[in-house]
Amino acid sequence: MKILINALTAREGGGITYVREMLPALARFGEAHEFHVLLSPEYQTGLLETLPEGIRPLIADVAAGQLLHRWWFEQVEIPRIIRRQSFDLLFTVNEIGTVRSPCPHVMLARNLHIHSPVPNQSTRQRLFLLWRRLSRGPTARAALRAADRVVFVSDAFRREVNASLALDPAKTHVVHHGVSLSFSESQNAEKDASSAGFQALPARQYLLAVSSIDVHKNFETLLLAYADAARAGADSFPDLVIAGTIADRPLYDRLQNRAKSLGISESVNFVGRVPHVELAALYHAALALVFPSRLESFGQPLLEAMASGAPIIASALPACREVCVDAALYFEPNDSTTLTTHITAIVTSRSLRARMRALGLERARAFSWEKTATRMMAIFEDAVASRRVQPSSQRGTREAHA
């Protein structure tokens, strides 16, 4: 097969992680298949510079933030590229993609923002996400309905989207993310935070949160619960390290002020985005990962933390439970009291940490990017085979639309 991968949506966070890890895993199939990936040098130079052997770049003249230009490119230019270069399959790594593809189309569904409202938003945030859903939602829904196969990153996410879209169950699949071997506890057993070069980290023990600074990540509840636990604990209570891109600057400023008002500003460290190569050591040295999110389709930090041997405290979202199963202590996103209890238990009980670490390591063994890529290749082949055996009347209708 000659496969075109539309990776133009991969700009930060989980999107970048998925593309960075999946391309080398797919490249293993390069002897039997030909892979090309659409990337923009405007905002994806990191991906372009690290493409694995066997993955061929196609440069897209698309700039970040140019919504209409991007829409034109995906709806008009990509079909032209497919016809001109005779691609057998289009794989789009996000819901926002080509609606009428001349070849079989597999879409990855991973962005909950397009489908679900984010709780506890300010008026400014509600207006911004309303505009985002209105501008991108119709195209995303049309593309998902038109795609030959839709791959969800969790069954919880599939159920939520299908409640409104009612996609044909025969064309939907669930394929979990994998986890890089760089997060393996055995590879990080001799590392600690200081050896990884984190000058901003405290010398003493710390709890860790890894997420972009955004409203649905629920850092307000985390700060409140941490303050209550620290207040009741000893003077040597662990610090809190928050690692992630500042996606919402006003929210970041409010969190800083909130930490001051709670009297914990000296113990809370916002270290910003941590390079991927250093993140494993950050997980490994942590007493635990705390993941308080209100909205998730998967939750990659959960998987990375388990593989690194970090115990987990997570919000009781269906996606989080699907990823961790029994390898996490759960709390409802608005329940700071239970979160405080879990933080205190993890900090004070070495046996609890050991038990949760063992459960996490065992659970993490079920995930790998090689398994993810193998499953995706089977779906690609199924999509192509199914299009070939479509009745001529259906095929003619689809091609006329294209």
Protein backbone atom coordinates (compact mmCIF):
# COMPACT_ATOMS: atom_id res chain seq x y z
CA MET A 1 0.00 0.00 0.00
CA LYS A 2 0.98 3.58 -0.63
CA ILE A 3 -0.18 5.47 2.46
CA LEU A 4 -0.55 9.22 2.97
CA ILE A 5 -0.48 10.34 6.62
CA ASN A 6 -2.03 13.74 7.31
CA ALA A 7 -0.24 14.89 10.48
CA LEU A 8 -0.91 18.63 10.12
CA THR A 9 -2.85 18.80 13.40
CA ALA A 10 0.14 17.63 15.47
CA ARG A 11 1.30 20.84 17.12
CA GLU A 12 1.73 20.05 20.82
CA GLY A 13 0.91 17.62 23.61
CA GLY A 14 -0.68 14.31 22.74
CA GLY A 15 -0.76 15.03 19.00
CA ILE A 16 3.01 15.45 18.81
CA THR A 17 3.56 12.39 21.01
CA TYR A 18 1.35 10.24 18.80
CA VAL A 19 3.05 11.23 15.53
CA ARG A 20 6.58 11.13 16.97
CA GLU A 21 6.10 7.59 18.30
CA MET A 22 3.88 6.14 15.57
CA LEU A 23 6.05 7.05 12.59
CA PRO A 24 9.01 4.86 13.65
CA ALA A 25 6.60 2.06 14.57
CA LEU A 26 4.93 2.23 11.15
CA ALA A 27 8.31 2.45 9.41
CA ARG A 28 8.90 -1.18 10.43
CA PHE A 29 6.35 -2.08 7.76
CA GLY A 30 8.28 -0.13 5.10
CA GLU A 31 9.39 -3.16 3.11
CA ALA A 32 5.81 -3.98 2.16
CA HIS A 33 4.28 -0.49 2.26
CA GLU A 34 5.21 3.07 1.31
CA PHE A 35 4.58 5.87 3.81
CA HIS A 36 4.39 9.61 3.13
CA VAL A 37 3.58 12.18 5.83
CA LEU A 38 2.18 15.68 5.36
CA LEU A 39 3.94 18.18 7.63
CA SER A 40 4.27 21.95 7.75
CA PRO A 41 7.74 23.52 8.15
CA GLU A 42 5.94 26.52 9.67
CA TYR A 43 5.30 24.75 13.00
CA GLN A 44 6.50 21.13 12.69
CA THR A 45 10.24 21.48 12.13
CA GLY A 46 10.96 19.16 15.06
CA LEU A 47 9.03 16.33 13.43
CA LEU A 48 10.57 17.03 10.02
CA GLU A 49 14.09 16.92 11.45
CA THR A 50 13.57 13.57 13.18
CA LEU A 51 11.66 11.58 10.55
CA PRO A 52 12.65 7.92 10.69
CA GLU A 53 14.10 6.17 7.67
CA GLY A 54 11.32 4.88 5.46
CA ILE A 55 8.92 7.78 6.10
CA ARG A 56 8.91 10.31 3.27
CA PRO A 57 7.92 13.93 3.99
CA LEU A 58 5.44 15.89 1.91
CA ILE A 59 5.74 19.60 2.66
CA ALA A 60 2.43 21.38 3.18
CA ASP A 61 2.29 25.16 2.80
CA VAL A 62 0.03 25.58 5.83
CA ALA A 63 0.69 28.03 8.66
CA ALA A 64 -0.50 27.70 12.25
CA GLY A 65 -3.75 29.53 12.92
CA GLN A 66 -4.79 29.92 9.27
CA LEU A 67 -8.09 28.09 9.62
CA LEU A 68 -9.51 28.82 6.16
CA HIS A 69 -6.23 27.99 4.43
CA ARG A 70 -6.00 24.74 6.36
CA TRP A 71 -9.62 23.89 5.49
CA TRP A 72 -8.93 24.50 1.78
CA PHE A 73 -5.78 22.40 1.89
CA GLU A 74 -7.48 19.42 3.55
CA GLN A 75 -10.70 19.51 1.53
CA VAL A 76 -9.27 20.43 -1.90
CA GLU A 77 -5.50 20.00 -2.04
CA ILE A 78 -5.23 16.64 -0.27
CA PRO A 79 -7.70 14.94 -2.67
CA ARG A 80 -5.62 16.36 -5.55
CA ILE A 81 -2.42 14.97 -4.01
CA ILE A 82 -4.07 11.58 -3.56
CA ARG A 83 -5.14 11.42 -7.21
CA ARG A 84 -1.89 12.83 -8.58
CA GLN A 85 0.35 10.45 -6.62
CA SER A 86 -2.03 7.46 -6.62
CA PHE A 87 -2.23 6.88 -2.88
CA ASP A 88 -4.08 3.77 -1.73
CA LEU A 89 -5.05 5.07 1.72
CA LEU A 90 -5.32 8.34 3.66
CA PHE A 91 -4.68 8.26 7.42
CA THR A 92 -5.63 11.44 9.31
CA VAL A 93 -4.34 11.66 12.88
CA ASN A 94 -7.21 13.86 14.09
CA GLU A 95 -10.96 14.31 13.61
CA ILE A 96 -10.51 17.43 11.49
CA GLY A 97 -9.76 16.04 8.06
CA THR A 98 -10.75 15.47 4.47
CA VAL A 99 -14.48 14.83 4.07
CA ARG A 100 -14.44 13.40 0.54
CA SER A 101 -11.35 11.30 0.02
CA PRO A 102 -10.78 9.64 -3.38
CA CYS A 103 -9.17 6.67 -1.60
CA PRO A 104 -10.09 4.78 1.60
CA HIS A 105 -9.79 7.05 4.63
CA VAL A 106 -8.94 6.07 8.21
CA MET A 107 -9.35 8.77 10.87
CA LEU A 108 -8.01 8.89 14.41
CA ALA A 109 -10.45 10.39 16.94
CA ARG A 110 -8.65 11.78 19.99
CA ASN A 111 -9.81 15.37 20.57
CA LEU A 112 -12.62 15.61 23.13
CA HIS A 113 -12.81 19.41 22.89
CA ILE A 114 -14.58 19.16 19.56
CA HIS A 115 -17.29 16.90 20.94
CA SER A 116 -17.72 17.75 24.64
CA PRO A 117 -18.07 20.97 26.63
CA VAL A 118 -15.32 21.70 29.12
CA PRO A 119 -16.64 22.17 32.68
CA ASN A 120 -15.81 25.11 34.97
CA GLN A 121 -14.90 27.59 32.25
CA SER A 122 -14.73 31.35 32.44
CA THR A 123 -16.89 33.37 30.04
CA ARG A 124 -13.85 34.06 27.84
CA GLN A 125 -12.99 30.37 27.70
CA ARG A 126 -16.58 29.36 26.93
CA LEU A 127 -16.74 31.83 24.04
CA PHE A 128 -13.39 30.66 22.67
CA LEU A 129 -14.32 26.96 22.74
CA LEU A 130 -17.79 27.71 21.38
CA TRP A 131 -16.13 29.40 18.40
CA ARG A 132 -13.77 26.44 18.11
CA ARG A 133 -16.60 23.90 18.07
CA LEU A 134 -18.65 25.96 15.61
CA SER A 135 -15.70 26.48 13.26
CA ARG A 136 -14.29 22.95 13.40
CA GLY A 137 -17.13 20.78 14.66
CA PRO A 138 -19.19 20.52 11.43
CA THR A 139 -16.15 19.50 9.38
CA ALA A 140 -15.05 17.01 12.04
CA ARG A 141 -18.49 15.40 12.24
CA ALA A 142 -18.82 15.22 8.45
CA ALA A 143 -15.34 13.71 8.10
CA LEU A 144 -15.97 11.10 10.80
CA ARG A 145 -19.25 10.07 9.18
CA ALA A 146 -17.64 9.86 5.72
CA ALA A 147 -14.49 8.00 6.79
CA ASP A 148 -14.14 4.33 5.95
CA ARG A 149 -12.80 3.56 9.43
CA VAL A 150 -12.69 5.63 12.63
CA VAL A 151 -10.17 4.70 15.31
CA PHE A 152 -10.79 5.91 18.86
CA VAL A 153 -8.01 6.09 21.43
CA SER A 154 -10.27 4.65 24.14
CA ASP A 155 -13.58 2.85 24.35
CA ALA A 156 -14.80 5.51 26.77
CA PHE A 157 -14.24 8.14 24.08
CA ARG A 158 -15.93 5.99 21.44
CA ARG A 159 -19.05 5.65 23.59
CA GLU A 160 -19.19 9.39 24.23
CA VAL A 161 -18.85 10.37 20.57
CA ASN A 162 -21.23 7.68 19.35
CA ALA A 163 -23.89 8.97 21.72
CA SER A 164 -24.24 11.98 19.41
CA LEU A 165 -22.88 10.80 16.04
CA ALA A 166 -24.24 7.23 15.99
CA LEU A 167 -21.45 5.96 13.73
CA ASP A 168 -21.77 2.53 12.16
CA PRO A 169 -20.25 0.15 14.77
CA ALA A 170 -18.71 -1.91 11.97
CA LYS A 171 -16.39 0.94 11.01
CA THR A 172 -15.29 2.00 14.50
CA HIS A 173 -12.30 0.56 16.36
CA VAL A 174 -10.47 1.21 19.62
CA VAL A 175 -6.67 1.26 19.53
CA HIS A 176 -4.87 2.48 22.64
CA HIS A 177 -1.71 4.52 22.50
CA GLY A 178 1.60 2.87 23.23
CA VAL A 179 4.40 3.96 25.52
CA SER A 180 8.02 4.59 24.58
CA LEU A 181 10.72 2.30 25.94
CA SER A 182 12.43 5.44 27.25
CA PHE A 183 9.88 5.38 30.09
CA SER A 184 10.81 1.86 31.17
CA GLU A 185 11.66 1.76 34.87
CA SER A 186 14.64 -0.49 34.18
CA GLN A 187 16.16 2.18 31.94
CA ASN A 188 15.64 4.89 34.55
CA ALA A 189 16.57 3.05 37.74
CA GLU A 190 19.87 4.90 38.01
CA LYS A 191 18.49 8.31 37.07
CA ASP A 192 17.11 11.05 39.26
CA ALA A 193 15.77 14.53 38.61
CA SER A 194 19.08 16.31 39.22
CA SER A 195 20.95 14.11 36.74
CA ALA A 196 18.40 15.01 34.07
CA GLY A 197 19.34 18.67 34.38
CA PHE A 198 16.23 20.09 36.06
CA GLN A 199 17.66 23.15 37.77
CA ALA A 200 14.19 24.32 38.89
CA LEU A 201 13.31 21.13 40.77
CA PRO A 202 13.49 20.96 44.55
CA ALA A 203 16.16 18.88 46.20
CA ARG A 204 13.57 17.11 48.35
CA GLN A 205 10.85 14.67 47.32
CA TYR A 206 7.99 15.81 45.13
CA LEU A 207 4.59 14.91 43.74
CA LEU A 208 4.23 15.41 40.00
CA ALA A 209 1.52 16.65 37.64
CA VAL A 210 2.14 16.51 33.88
CA SER A 211 -0.36 18.39 31.72
CA SER A 212 -0.65 21.60 29.76
CA ILE A 213 -1.90 24.52 31.81
CA ASP A 214 -5.49 24.52 30.61
CA VAL A 215 -8.86 24.80 32.31
CA HIS A 216 -9.95 21.18 31.87
CA LYS A 217 -6.77 19.93 33.57
CA ASN A 218 -8.30 20.98 36.91
CA PHE A 219 -5.23 22.37 38.64
CA GLU A 220 -7.38 24.47 40.99
CA THR A 221 -8.64 21.32 42.71
CA LEU A 222 -5.11 19.93 42.86
CA LEU A 223 -3.74 23.07 44.54
CA LEU A 224 -6.54 23.05 47.13
CA ALA A 225 -6.08 19.36 47.95
CA TYR A 226 -2.30 19.66 48.08
CA ALA A 227 -2.54 22.67 50.42
CA ASP A 228 -4.81 20.75 52.81
CA ALA A 229 -2.50 17.72 52.78
CA ALA A 230 0.63 19.82 53.28
CA ARG A 231 -0.98 21.79 56.10
CA ALA A 232 -1.72 18.57 57.98
CA GLY A 233 1.64 17.02 57.16
CA ALA A 234 5.13 17.52 58.50
CA ASP A 235 7.49 20.34 57.61
CA SER A 236 9.24 17.98 55.21
CA PHE A 237 6.06 17.41 53.17
CA PRO A 238 6.96 16.82 49.49
CA ASP A 239 6.80 19.66 47.01
CA LEU A 240 4.46 19.73 44.02
CA VAL A 241 6.01 19.95 40.54
CA ILE A 242 3.73 20.90 37.63
CA ALA A 243 5.22 20.25 34.18
CA GLY A 244 3.45 21.37 31.03
CA THR A 245 3.08 24.01 28.35
CA ILE A 246 1.24 27.17 29.37
CA ALA A 247 -1.76 26.94 27.06
CA ASP A 248 -3.80 29.51 29.00
CA ARG A 249 -1.73 32.42 30.35
CA PRO A 250 -4.54 34.06 32.39
CA LEU A 251 -5.24 30.70 34.04
CA TYR A 252 -1.54 30.26 34.80
CA ASP A 253 -1.47 33.67 36.50
CA ARG A 254 -4.56 32.75 38.54
CA LEU A 255 -2.96 29.48 39.62
CA GLN A 256 0.15 31.35 40.76
CA ASN A 257 -2.01 33.73 42.80
CA ARG A 258 -4.05 30.84 44.18
CA ALA A 259 -0.89 29.09 45.37
CA LYS A 260 0.13 32.28 47.17
CA SER A 261 -3.26 32.68 48.83
CA LEU A 262 -3.12 29.06 50.02
CA GLY A 263 0.36 29.59 51.45
CA ILE A 264 2.01 26.96 49.23
CA SER A 265 3.79 29.10 46.63
CA GLU A 266 7.21 28.10 48.00
CA SER A 267 6.35 24.42 47.56
CA VAL A 268 4.69 24.53 44.12
CA ASN A 269 7.04 24.55 41.13
CA PHE A 270 5.73 25.33 37.64
CA VAL A 271 8.60 24.10 35.45
CA GLY A 272 6.97 24.57 32.03
CA ARG A 273 7.34 22.17 29.15
CA VAL A 274 9.85 19.39 29.83
CA PRO A 275 11.69 17.91 26.81
CA HIS A 276 10.60 14.38 25.98
CA VAL A 277 14.08 12.97 26.54
CA GLU A 278 14.08 14.24 30.14
CA LEU A 279 10.50 13.42 31.08
CA ALA A 280 11.17 9.79 32.01
CA ALA A 281 13.60 10.74 34.77
CA LEU A 282 11.09 13.27 36.08
CA TYR A 283 8.45 10.55 36.41
CA HIS A 284 10.87 8.07 37.93
CA ALA A 285 12.00 10.39 40.72
CA ALA A 286 8.45 11.42 41.70
CA LEU A 287 6.65 10.02 44.73
CA ALA A 288 3.53 9.84 42.56
CA LEU A 289 1.80 11.32 39.53
CA VAL A 290 -1.38 13.26 40.31
CA PHE A 291 -3.72 13.53 37.30
CA PRO A 292 -6.78 15.63 38.23
CA SER A 293 -8.22 16.23 34.72
CA ARG A 294 -11.94 16.86 34.17
CA LEU A 295 -11.92 15.80 30.51
CA GLU A 296 -9.78 13.16 28.76
CA SER A 297 -10.00 10.87 25.76
CA PHE A 298 -6.98 8.80 26.89
CA GLY A 299 -4.41 10.37 29.25
CA GLN A 300 -0.88 9.67 27.98
CA PRO A 301 0.85 10.82 31.21
CA LEU A 302 -0.92 7.98 33.04
CA LEU A 303 0.70 5.41 30.78
CA GLU A 304 4.11 7.08 30.92
CA ALA A 305 3.98 7.25 34.72
CA MET A 306 3.03 3.57 35.07
CA ALA A 307 5.88 2.51 32.78
CA SER A 308 8.29 4.69 34.80
CA GLY A 309 7.26 3.12 38.10
CA ALA A 310 5.43 6.15 39.51
CA PRO A 311 2.29 5.46 41.60
CA ILE A 312 -0.80 7.26 40.28
CA ILE A 313 -3.63 9.30 41.76
CA ALA A 314 -6.16 10.02 39.00
CA SER A 315 -9.59 11.50 38.48
CA ALA A 316 -12.27 8.85 38.09
CA LEU A 317 -13.00 9.57 34.43
CA PRO A 318 -13.96 6.54 32.32
CA ALA A 319 -10.89 7.01 30.10
CA CYS A 320 -8.55 7.13 33.11
CA ARG A 321 -10.08 3.95 34.54
CA GLU A 322 -9.73 2.27 31.15
CA VAL A 323 -6.03 3.09 30.97
CA CYS A 324 -5.05 2.34 34.57
CA VAL A 325 -7.69 -0.19 35.70
CA ASP A 326 -6.62 -1.02 39.29
CA ALA A 327 -3.24 0.73 39.06
CA ALA A 328 -4.45 4.10 40.40
CA LEU A 329 -6.16 5.69 43.38
CA TYR A 330 -9.25 7.47 42.03
CA PHE A 331 -11.23 10.54 43.05
CA GLU A 332 -14.08 12.48 41.47
CA PRO A 333 -12.73 15.62 39.74
CA ASN A 334 -14.54 18.04 42.09
CA ASP A 335 -13.76 16.06 45.27
CA SER A 336 -10.70 17.77 46.75
CA THR A 337 -11.29 16.02 50.10
CA THR A 338 -10.75 12.53 48.66
CA LEU A 339 -7.78 13.81 46.67
CA THR A 340 -6.27 15.15 49.89
CA THR A 341 -6.77 11.74 51.52
CA HIS A 342 -5.05 9.96 48.62
CA ILE A 343 -2.13 12.41 48.59
CA THR A 344 -1.62 11.93 52.33
CA ALA A 345 -1.78 8.14 51.99
CA ILE A 346 0.75 8.04 49.14
CA VAL A 347 3.15 10.37 50.94
CA THR A 348 3.02 8.55 54.29
CA SER A 349 2.77 4.89 53.25
CA ARG A 350 5.80 3.28 51.64
CA SER A 351 3.93 -0.03 51.31
CA LEU A 352 1.07 1.66 49.43
CA ARG A 353 3.54 3.27 47.04
CA ALA A 354 5.23 -0.09 46.45
CA ARG A 355 1.90 -1.80 45.77
CA MET A 356 0.70 0.90 43.36
CA ARG A 357 4.07 0.94 41.60
CA ALA A 358 3.92 -2.83 41.03
CA LEU A 359 0.36 -2.63 39.71
CA GLY A 360 1.34 0.20 37.35
CA LEU A 361 4.38 -1.59 35.95
CA GLU A 362 2.29 -4.69 35.29
CA ARG A 363 -0.45 -2.69 33.58
CA ALA A 364 2.05 -0.76 31.42
CA ARG A 365 3.34 -4.01 29.91
CA ALA A 366 0.07 -4.30 27.97
CA PHE A 367 0.94 -1.20 25.89
CA SER A 368 3.54 -0.58 23.20
CA TRP A 369 3.74 1.53 20.06
CA GLU A 370 4.61 -1.63 18.11
CA LYS A 371 1.27 -3.16 19.15
CA THR A 372 -0.50 0.08 18.23
CA ALA A 373 1.13 0.21 14.79
CA THR A 374 0.40 -3.46 14.09
CA ARG A 375 -3.26 -2.95 14.95
CA MET A 376 -3.43 0.18 12.79
CA MET A 377 -1.90 -1.62 9.80
CA ALA A 378 -4.59 -4.29 10.06
CA ILE A 379 -7.26 -1.56 10.04
CA PHE A 380 -5.61 0.11 7.03
CA GLU A 381 -5.66 -3.16 5.10
CA ASP A 382 -9.27 -3.82 6.09
CA ALA A 383 -10.35 -0.35 4.92
CA VAL A 384 -8.71 -0.82 1.52
CA ALA A 385 -10.14 -4.32 1.09
CA SER A 386 -13.64 -3.18 2.08
CA ARG A 387 -13.61 -0.32 -0.43
CA ARG A 388 -12.59 -2.75 -3.18
CA VAL A 389 -15.57 -5.03 -2.55
CA GLN A 390 -18.18 -2.27 -2.26
CA PRO A 391 -21.11 -2.63 -4.65
CA SER A 392 -20.46 -0.63 -7.80
CA SER A 393 -23.46 1.64 -7.09
CA GLN A 394 -22.05 2.69 -3.69
CA ARG A 395 -18.55 3.14 -5.09
CA GLY A 396 -19.84 5.27 -7.92
CA THR A 397 -21.76 7.50 -5.54
CA ARG A 398 -18.72 8.02 -3.31
CA GLU A 399 -16.43 8.77 -6.27
CA ALA A 400 -18.96 11.21 -7.70
CA HIS A 401 -18.94 13.08 -4.39
CA ALA A 402 -15.15 13.18 -4.46
